Amino acid sequence: DYIDQINKTKAVIMPAFPIRDVPMYPGV
């Protein structure tokens, strides 16, 4: 639901990017 807003920003910042096999995407 936010994709249009996201694409108007400069980048997607992912602080504390957790490398987890839960899986990571989609999951974390």
PDB file of all heavy atoms in Angstrom:
ATOM      1  N   ASP A   1       0.812  -1.219   0.000  1.00  0.00           N
ATOM      2  CA  ASP A   1       0.000   0.000   0.000  1.00  0.00           C
ATOM      3  C   ASP A   1       0.843   1.266   0.000  1.00  0.00           C
ATOM      4  O   ASP A   1       0.302   2.366  -0.205  1.00  0.00           O
ATOM      5  CB  ASP A   1      -0.924   0.009   1.219  1.00  0.00           C
ATOM      6  CG  ASP A   1      -1.999  -1.071   1.148  1.00  0.00           C
ATOM      7  OD1 ASP A   1      -2.248  -1.571   0.034  1.00  0.00           O
ATOM      8  OD2 ASP A   1      -2.571  -1.416   2.203  1.00  0.00           O
ATOM      9  N   TYR A   2       2.144   1.129   0.238  1.00  0.00           N
ATOM     10  CA  TYR A   2       3.025   2.300   0.322  1.00  0.00           C
ATOM     11  C   TYR A   2       3.971   2.417  -0.866  1.00  0.00           C
ATOM     12  O   TYR A   2       4.850   3.280  -0.869  1.00  0.00           O
ATOM     13  CB  TYR A   2       3.853   2.225   1.612  1.00  0.00           C
ATOM     14  CG  TYR A   2       3.039   2.210   2.870  1.00  0.00           C
ATOM     15  CD1 TYR A   2       2.681   1.002   3.479  1.00  0.00           C
ATOM     16  CD2 TYR A   2       2.624   3.392   3.470  1.00  0.00           C
ATOM     17  CE1 TYR A   2       1.931   0.975   4.646  1.00  0.00           C
ATOM     18  CE2 TYR A   2       1.876   3.374   4.641  1.00  0.00           C
ATOM     19  CZ  TYR A   2       1.537   2.163   5.221  1.00  0.00           C
ATOM     20  OH  TYR A   2       0.793   2.151   6.372  1.00  0.00           O
ATOM     21  N   ILE A   3       3.822   1.551  -1.862  1.00  0.00           N
ATOM     22  CA  ILE A   3       4.836   1.464  -2.910  1.00  0.00           C
ATOM     23  C   ILE A   3       5.030   2.774  -3.653  1.00  0.00           C
ATOM     24  O   ILE A   3       6.165   3.150  -3.988  1.00  0.00           O
ATOM     25  CB  ILE A   3       4.506   0.303  -3.892  1.00  0.00           C
ATOM     26  CG1 ILE A   3       5.720  -0.041  -4.745  1.00  0.00           C
ATOM     27  CG2 ILE A   3       3.271   0.597  -4.707  1.00  0.00           C
ATOM     28  CD1 ILE A   3       6.875  -0.605  -3.973  1.00  0.00           C
ATOM     29  N   ASP A   4       3.979   3.506  -3.912  1.00  0.00           N
ATOM     30  CA  ASP A   4       4.122   4.788  -4.622  1.00  0.00           C
ATOM     31  C   ASP A   4       4.892   5.795  -3.773  1.00  0.00           C
ATOM     32  O   ASP A   4       5.755   6.522  -4.288  1.00  0.00           O
ATOM     33  CB  ASP A   4       2.746   5.345  -4.994  1.00  0.00           C
ATOM     34  CG  ASP A   4       2.057   4.535  -6.076  1.00  0.00           C
ATOM     35  OD1 ASP A   4       2.771   3.810  -6.806  1.00  0.00           O
ATOM     36  OD2 ASP A   4       0.824   4.603  -6.185  1.00  0.00           O
ATOM     37  N   GLN A   5       4.603   5.823  -2.484  1.00  0.00           N
ATOM     38  CA  GLN A   5       5.325   6.726  -1.584  1.00  0.00           C
ATOM     39  C   GLN A   5       6.794   6.328  -1.478  1.00  0.00           C
ATOM     40  O   GLN A   5       7.685   7.190  -1.486  1.00  0.00           O
ATOM     41  CB  GLN A   5       4.687   6.713  -0.193  1.00  0.00           C
ATOM     42  CG  GLN A   5       3.295   7.307  -0.122  1.00  0.00           C
ATOM     43  CD  GLN A   5       2.658   7.051   1.234  1.00  0.00           C
ATOM     44  OE1 GLN A   5       1.884   6.121   1.409  1.00  0.00           O
ATOM     45  NE2 GLN A   5       3.002   7.883   2.202  1.00  0.00           N
ATOM     46  N   ILE A   6       7.048   5.036  -1.368  1.00  0.00           N
ATOM     47  CA  ILE A   6       8.429   4.553  -1.258  1.00  0.00           C
ATOM     48  C   ILE A   6       9.239   4.957  -2.485  1.00  0.00           C
ATOM     49  O   ILE A   6      10.380   5.423  -2.377  1.00  0.00           O
ATOM     50  CB  ILE A   6       8.442   3.024  -1.078  1.00  0.00           C
ATOM     51  CG1 ILE A   6       7.888   2.643   0.297  1.00  0.00           C
ATOM     52  CG2 ILE A   6       9.853   2.465  -1.256  1.00  0.00           C
ATOM     53  CD1 ILE A   6       7.637   1.166   0.487  1.00  0.00           C
ATOM     54  N   ASN A   7       8.663   4.808  -3.654  1.00  0.00           N
ATOM     55  CA  ASN A   7       9.391   5.094  -4.888  1.00  0.00           C
ATOM     56  C   ASN A   7       9.613   6.584  -5.114  1.00  0.00           C
ATOM     57  O   ASN A   7      10.381   6.968  -6.008  1.00  0.00           O
ATOM     58  CB  ASN A   7       8.665   4.470  -6.080  1.00  0.00           C
ATOM     59  CG  ASN A   7       8.825   2.958  -6.120  1.00  0.00           C
ATOM     60  OD1 ASN A   7       9.806   2.414  -5.618  1.00  0.00           O
ATOM     61  ND2 ASN A   7       7.856   2.270  -6.696  1.00  0.00           N
ATOM     62  N   LYS A   8       8.982   7.420  -4.314  1.00  0.00           N
ATOM     63  CA  LYS A   8       9.244   8.858  -4.382  1.00  0.00           C
ATOM     64  C   LYS A   8      10.375   9.275  -3.441  1.00  0.00           C
ATOM     65  O   LYS A   8      10.817  10.439  -3.474  1.00  0.00           O
ATOM     66  CB  LYS A   8       7.969   9.634  -4.044  1.00  0.00           C
ATOM     67  CG  LYS A   8       6.881   9.527  -5.110  1.00  0.00           C
ATOM     68  CD  LYS A   8       5.617  10.278  -4.698  1.00  0.00           C
ATOM     69  CE  LYS A   8       4.520  10.118  -5.746  1.00  0.00           C
ATOM     70  NZ  LYS A   8       3.263  10.785  -5.327  1.00  0.00           N
ATOM     71  N   THR A   9      10.836   8.331  -2.591  1.00  0.00           N
ATOM     72  CA  THR A   9      11.964   8.633  -1.705  1.00  0.00           C
ATOM     73  C   THR A   9      13.272   8.262  -2.403  1.00  0.00           C
ATOM     74  O   THR A   9      13.278   7.620  -3.445  1.00  0.00           O
ATOM     75  CB  THR A   9      11.840   7.870  -0.376  1.00  0.00           C
ATOM     76  OG1 THR A   9      11.913   6.450  -0.622  1.00  0.00           O
ATOM     77  CG2 THR A   9      10.507   8.183   0.300  1.00  0.00           C
ATOM     78  N   LYS A  10      14.392   8.654  -1.807  1.00  0.00           N
ATOM     79  CA  LYS A  10      15.697   8.423  -2.432  1.00  0.00           C
ATOM     80  C   LYS A  10      16.163   6.971  -2.319  1.00  0.00           C
ATOM     81  O   LYS A  10      16.884   6.476  -3.194  1.00  0.00           O
ATOM     82  CB  LYS A  10      16.748   9.340  -1.809  1.00  0.00           C
ATOM     83  CG  LYS A  10      16.534  10.819  -2.103  1.00  0.00           C
ATOM     84  CD  LYS A  10      17.682  11.639  -1.551  1.00  0.00           C
ATOM     85  CE  LYS A  10      17.556  13.111  -1.964  1.00  0.00           C
ATOM     86  NZ  LYS A  10      18.709  13.915  -1.493  1.00  0.00           N
ATOM     87  N   ALA A  11      15.802   6.330  -1.250  1.00  0.00           N
ATOM     88  CA  ALA A  11      16.246   4.955  -1.009  1.00  0.00           C
ATOM     89  C   ALA A  11      15.467   4.385   0.156  1.00  0.00           C
ATOM     90  O   ALA A  11      14.834   5.124   0.928  1.00  0.00           O
ATOM     91  CB  ALA A  11      17.746   4.907  -0.711  1.00  0.00           C
ATOM     92  N   VAL A  12      15.525   3.054   0.290  1.00  0.00           N
ATOM     93  CA  VAL A  12      14.960   2.364   1.447  1.00  0.00           C
ATOM     94  C   VAL A  12      16.110   2.032   2.387  1.00  0.00           C
ATOM     95  O   VAL A  12      16.963   1.195   2.069  1.00  0.00           O
ATOM     96  CB  VAL A  12      14.211   1.085   1.033  1.00  0.00           C
ATOM     97  CG1 VAL A  12      13.708   0.349   2.283  1.00  0.00           C
ATOM     98  CG2 VAL A  12      13.051   1.409   0.098  1.00  0.00           C
ATOM     99  N   ILE A  13      16.161   2.706   3.531  1.00  0.00           N
ATOM    100  CA  ILE A  13      17.214   2.492   4.516  1.00  0.00           C
ATOM    101  C   ILE A  13      16.762   1.380   5.458  1.00  0.00           C
ATOM    102  O   ILE A  13      15.655   1.409   5.994  1.00  0.00           O
ATOM    103  CB  ILE A  13      17.506   3.778   5.309  1.00  0.00           C
ATOM    104  CG1 ILE A  13      17.821   4.931   4.353  1.00  0.00           C
ATOM    105  CG2 ILE A  13      18.632   3.549   6.304  1.00  0.00           C
ATOM    106  CD1 ILE A  13      19.068   4.730   3.517  1.00  0.00           C
ATOM    107  N   MET A  14      17.648   0.391   5.657  1.00  0.00           N
ATOM    108  CA  MET A  14      17.316  -0.795   6.454  1.00  0.00           C
ATOM    109  C   MET A  14      18.256  -0.898   7.649  1.00  0.00           C
ATOM    110  O   MET A  14      19.212  -1.671   7.652  1.00  0.00           O
ATOM    111  CB  MET A  14      17.391  -2.043   5.572  1.00  0.00           C
ATOM    112  CG  MET A  14      16.562  -1.899   4.291  1.00  0.00           C
ATOM    113  SD  MET A  14      16.909  -3.149   3.035  1.00  0.00           S
ATOM    114  CE  MET A  14      15.739  -4.428   3.525  1.00  0.00           C
ATOM    115  N   PRO A  15      18.026  -0.101   8.695  1.00  0.00           N
ATOM    116  CA  PRO A  15      18.896  -0.161   9.875  1.00  0.00           C
ATOM    117  C   PRO A  15      18.717  -1.476  10.624  1.00  0.00           C
ATOM    118  O   PRO A  15      17.647  -2.083  10.603  1.00  0.00           O
ATOM    119  CB  PRO A  15      18.413   1.027  10.720  1.00  0.00           C
ATOM    120  CG  PRO A  15      17.023   1.294  10.273  1.00  0.00           C
ATOM    121  CD  PRO A  15      16.962   0.905   8.834  1.00  0.00           C
ATOM    122  N   ALA A  16      19.798  -1.918  11.266  1.00  0.00           N
ATOM    123  CA  ALA A  16      19.800  -3.200  11.991  1.00  0.00           C
ATOM    124  C   ALA A  16      19.387  -4.328  11.078  1.00  0.00           C
ATOM    125  O   ALA A  16      18.632  -5.217  11.469  1.00  0.00           O
ATOM    126  CB  ALA A  16      18.889  -3.131  13.218  1.00  0.00           C
ATOM    127  N   PHE A  17      19.900  -4.337   9.860  1.00  0.00           N
ATOM    128  CA  PHE A  17      19.580  -5.324   8.830  1.00  0.00           C
ATOM    129  C   PHE A  17      19.923  -6.714   9.349  1.00  0.00           C
ATOM    130  O   PHE A  17      21.087  -7.101   9.399  1.00  0.00           O
ATOM    131  CB  PHE A  17      20.404  -4.989   7.585  1.00  0.00           C
ATOM    132  CG  PHE A  17      20.137  -5.829   6.374  1.00  0.00           C
ATOM    133  CD1 PHE A  17      18.974  -5.688   5.645  1.00  0.00           C
ATOM    134  CD2 PHE A  17      21.091  -6.744   5.936  1.00  0.00           C
ATOM    135  CE1 PHE A  17      18.752  -6.446   4.508  1.00  0.00           C
ATOM    136  CE2 PHE A  17      20.876  -7.501   4.791  1.00  0.00           C
ATOM    137  CZ  PHE A  17      19.695  -7.347   4.085  1.00  0.00           C
ATOM    138  N   PRO A  18      18.919  -7.502   9.770  1.00  0.00           N
ATOM    139  CA  PRO A  18      19.199  -8.762  10.469  1.00  0.00           C
ATOM    140  C   PRO A  18      19.278  -9.932   9.503  1.00  0.00           C
ATOM    141  O   PRO A  18      18.313 -10.278   8.839  1.00  0.00           O
ATOM    142  CB  PRO A  18      18.003  -8.909  11.413  1.00  0.00           C
ATOM    143  CG  PRO A  18      16.886  -8.217  10.691  1.00  0.00           C
ATOM    144  CD  PRO A  18      17.482  -7.195   9.756  1.00  0.00           C
ATOM    145  N   ILE A  19      20.425 -10.562   9.443  1.00  0.00           N
ATOM    146  CA  ILE A  19      20.626 -11.710   8.560  1.00  0.00           C
ATOM    147  C   ILE A  19      20.138 -12.947   9.305  1.00  0.00           C
ATOM    148  O   ILE A  19      20.807 -13.475  10.183  1.00  0.00           O
ATOM    149  CB  ILE A  19      22.112 -11.829   8.163  1.00  0.00           C
ATOM    150  CG1 ILE A  19      22.577 -10.528   7.514  1.00  0.00           C
ATOM    151  CG2 ILE A  19      22.322 -13.009   7.227  1.00  0.00           C
ATOM    152  CD1 ILE A  19      24.074 -10.431   7.352  1.00  0.00           C
ATOM    153  N   ARG A  20      18.932 -13.372   8.968  1.00  0.00           N
ATOM    154  CA  ARG A  20      18.272 -14.482   9.648  1.00  0.00           C
ATOM    155  C   ARG A  20      17.633 -15.396   8.606  1.00  0.00           C
ATOM    156  O   ARG A  20      17.020 -14.937   7.660  1.00  0.00           O
ATOM    157  CB  ARG A  20      17.157 -13.985  10.576  1.00  0.00           C
ATOM    158  CG  ARG A  20      17.566 -12.886  11.541  1.00  0.00           C
ATOM    159  CD  ARG A  20      18.270 -13.425  12.769  1.00  0.00           C
ATOM    160  NE  ARG A  20      18.392 -12.378  13.764  1.00  0.00           N
ATOM    161  CZ  ARG A  20      19.380 -11.491  13.789  1.00  0.00           C
ATOM    162  NH1 ARG A  20      20.324 -11.518  12.867  1.00  0.00           N
ATOM    163  NH2 ARG A  20      19.429 -10.571  14.734  1.00  0.00           N
ATOM    164  N   ASP A  21      17.706 -16.675   8.840  1.00  0.00           N
ATOM    165  CA  ASP A  21      17.100 -17.644   7.927  1.00  0.00           C
ATOM    166  C   ASP A  21      15.720 -18.035   8.437  1.00  0.00           C
ATOM    167  O   ASP A  21      15.491 -19.147   8.859  1.00  0.00           O
ATOM    168  CB  ASP A  21      17.993 -18.879   7.827  1.00  0.00           C
ATOM    169  CG  ASP A  21      18.368 -19.195   6.385  1.00  0.00           C
ATOM    170  OD1 ASP A  21      17.733 -18.640   5.480  1.00  0.00           O
ATOM    171  OD2 ASP A  21      19.291 -19.986   6.181  1.00  0.00           O
ATOM    172  N   VAL A  22      14.756 -17.103   8.366  1.00  0.00           N
ATOM    173  CA  VAL A  22      13.444 -17.425   8.932  1.00  0.00           C
ATOM    174  C   VAL A  22      12.296 -17.600   7.935  1.00  0.00           C
ATOM    175  O   VAL A  22      11.207 -17.988   8.399  1.00  0.00           O
ATOM    176  CB  VAL A  22      13.050 -16.364   9.977  1.00  0.00           C
ATOM    177  CG1 VAL A  22      13.922 -16.443  11.182  1.00  0.00           C
ATOM    178  CG2 VAL A  22      13.044 -14.969   9.409  1.00  0.00           C
ATOM    179  N   PRO A  23      12.322 -17.373   6.648  1.00  0.00           N
ATOM    180  CA  PRO A  23      13.446 -16.860   5.861  1.00  0.00           C
ATOM    181  C   PRO A  23      13.582 -15.344   6.005  1.00  0.00           C
ATOM    182  O   PRO A  23      12.749 -14.703   6.641  1.00  0.00           O
ATOM    183  CB  PRO A  23      13.048 -17.232   4.433  1.00  0.00           C
ATOM    184  CG  PRO A  23      11.557 -17.132   4.456  1.00  0.00           C
ATOM    185  CD  PRO A  23      11.135 -17.622   5.821  1.00  0.00           C
ATOM    186  N   MET A  24      14.597 -14.803   5.361  1.00  0.00           N
ATOM    187  CA  MET A  24      14.821 -13.372   5.463  1.00  0.00           C
ATOM    188  C   MET A  24      13.783 -12.576   4.673  1.00  0.00           C
ATOM    189  O   MET A  24      13.267 -11.562   5.144  1.00  0.00           O
ATOM    190  CB  MET A  24      16.235 -13.057   4.973  1.00  0.00           C
ATOM    191  CG  MET A  24      16.732 -11.735   5.494  1.00  0.00           C
ATOM    192  SD  MET A  24      18.497 -11.574   5.290  1.00  0.00           S
ATOM    193  CE  MET A  24      18.660  -9.873   5.838  1.00  0.00           C
ATOM    194  N   TYR A  25      13.493 -13.060   3.465  1.00  0.00           N
ATOM    195  CA  TYR A  25      12.434 -12.460   2.652  1.00  0.00           C
ATOM    196  C   TYR A  25      11.634 -13.560   1.982  1.00  0.00           C
ATOM    197  O   TYR A  25      12.211 -14.442   1.340  1.00  0.00           O
ATOM    198  CB  TYR A  25      13.017 -11.528   1.584  1.00  0.00           C
ATOM    199  CG  TYR A  25      12.014 -11.203   0.488  1.00  0.00           C
ATOM    200  CD1 TYR A  25      10.993 -10.280   0.721  1.00  0.00           C
ATOM    201  CD2 TYR A  25      12.072 -11.838  -0.757  1.00  0.00           C
ATOM    202  CE1 TYR A  25      10.063  -9.999  -0.273  1.00  0.00           C
ATOM    203  CE2 TYR A  25      11.149 -11.564  -1.743  1.00  0.00           C
ATOM    204  CZ  TYR A  25      10.143 -10.642  -1.496  1.00  0.00           C
ATOM    205  OH  TYR A  25       9.215 -10.361  -2.479  1.00  0.00           O
ATOM    206  N   PRO A  26      10.306 -13.539   2.120  1.00  0.00           N
ATOM    207  CA  PRO A  26       9.559 -12.699   3.066  1.00  0.00           C
ATOM    208  C   PRO A  26       9.597 -13.344   4.445  1.00  0.00           C
ATOM    209  O   PRO A  26       9.451 -14.554   4.565  1.00  0.00           O
ATOM    210  CB  PRO A  26       8.148 -12.698   2.496  1.00  0.00           C
ATOM    211  CG  PRO A  26       8.040 -14.026   1.812  1.00  0.00           C
ATOM    212  CD  PRO A  26       9.422 -14.352   1.281  1.00  0.00           C
ATOM    213  N   GLY A  27       9.824 -12.571   5.451  1.00  0.00           N
ATOM    214  CA  GLY A  27       9.943 -13.078   6.801  1.00  0.00           C
ATOM    215  C   GLY A  27      10.385 -11.943   7.690  1.00  0.00           C
ATOM    216  O   GLY A  27       9.569 -11.196   8.229  1.00  0.00           O
ATOM    217  N   VAL A  28      11.718 -11.796   7.843  1.00  0.00           N
ATOM    218  CA  VAL A  28      12.233 -10.627   8.539  1.00  0.00           C
ATOM    219  C   VAL A  28      11.753  -9.364   7.823  1.00  0.00           C
ATOM    220  O   VAL A  28      11.347  -8.385   8.455  1.00  0.00           O
ATOM    221  CB  VAL A  28      13.770 -10.663   8.594  1.00  0.00           C
ATOM    222  CG1 VAL A  28      14.317  -9.388   9.215  1.00  0.00           C
ATOM    223  CG2 VAL A  28      14.241 -11.877   9.381  1.00  0.00           C
TER     224      VAL A  28
END
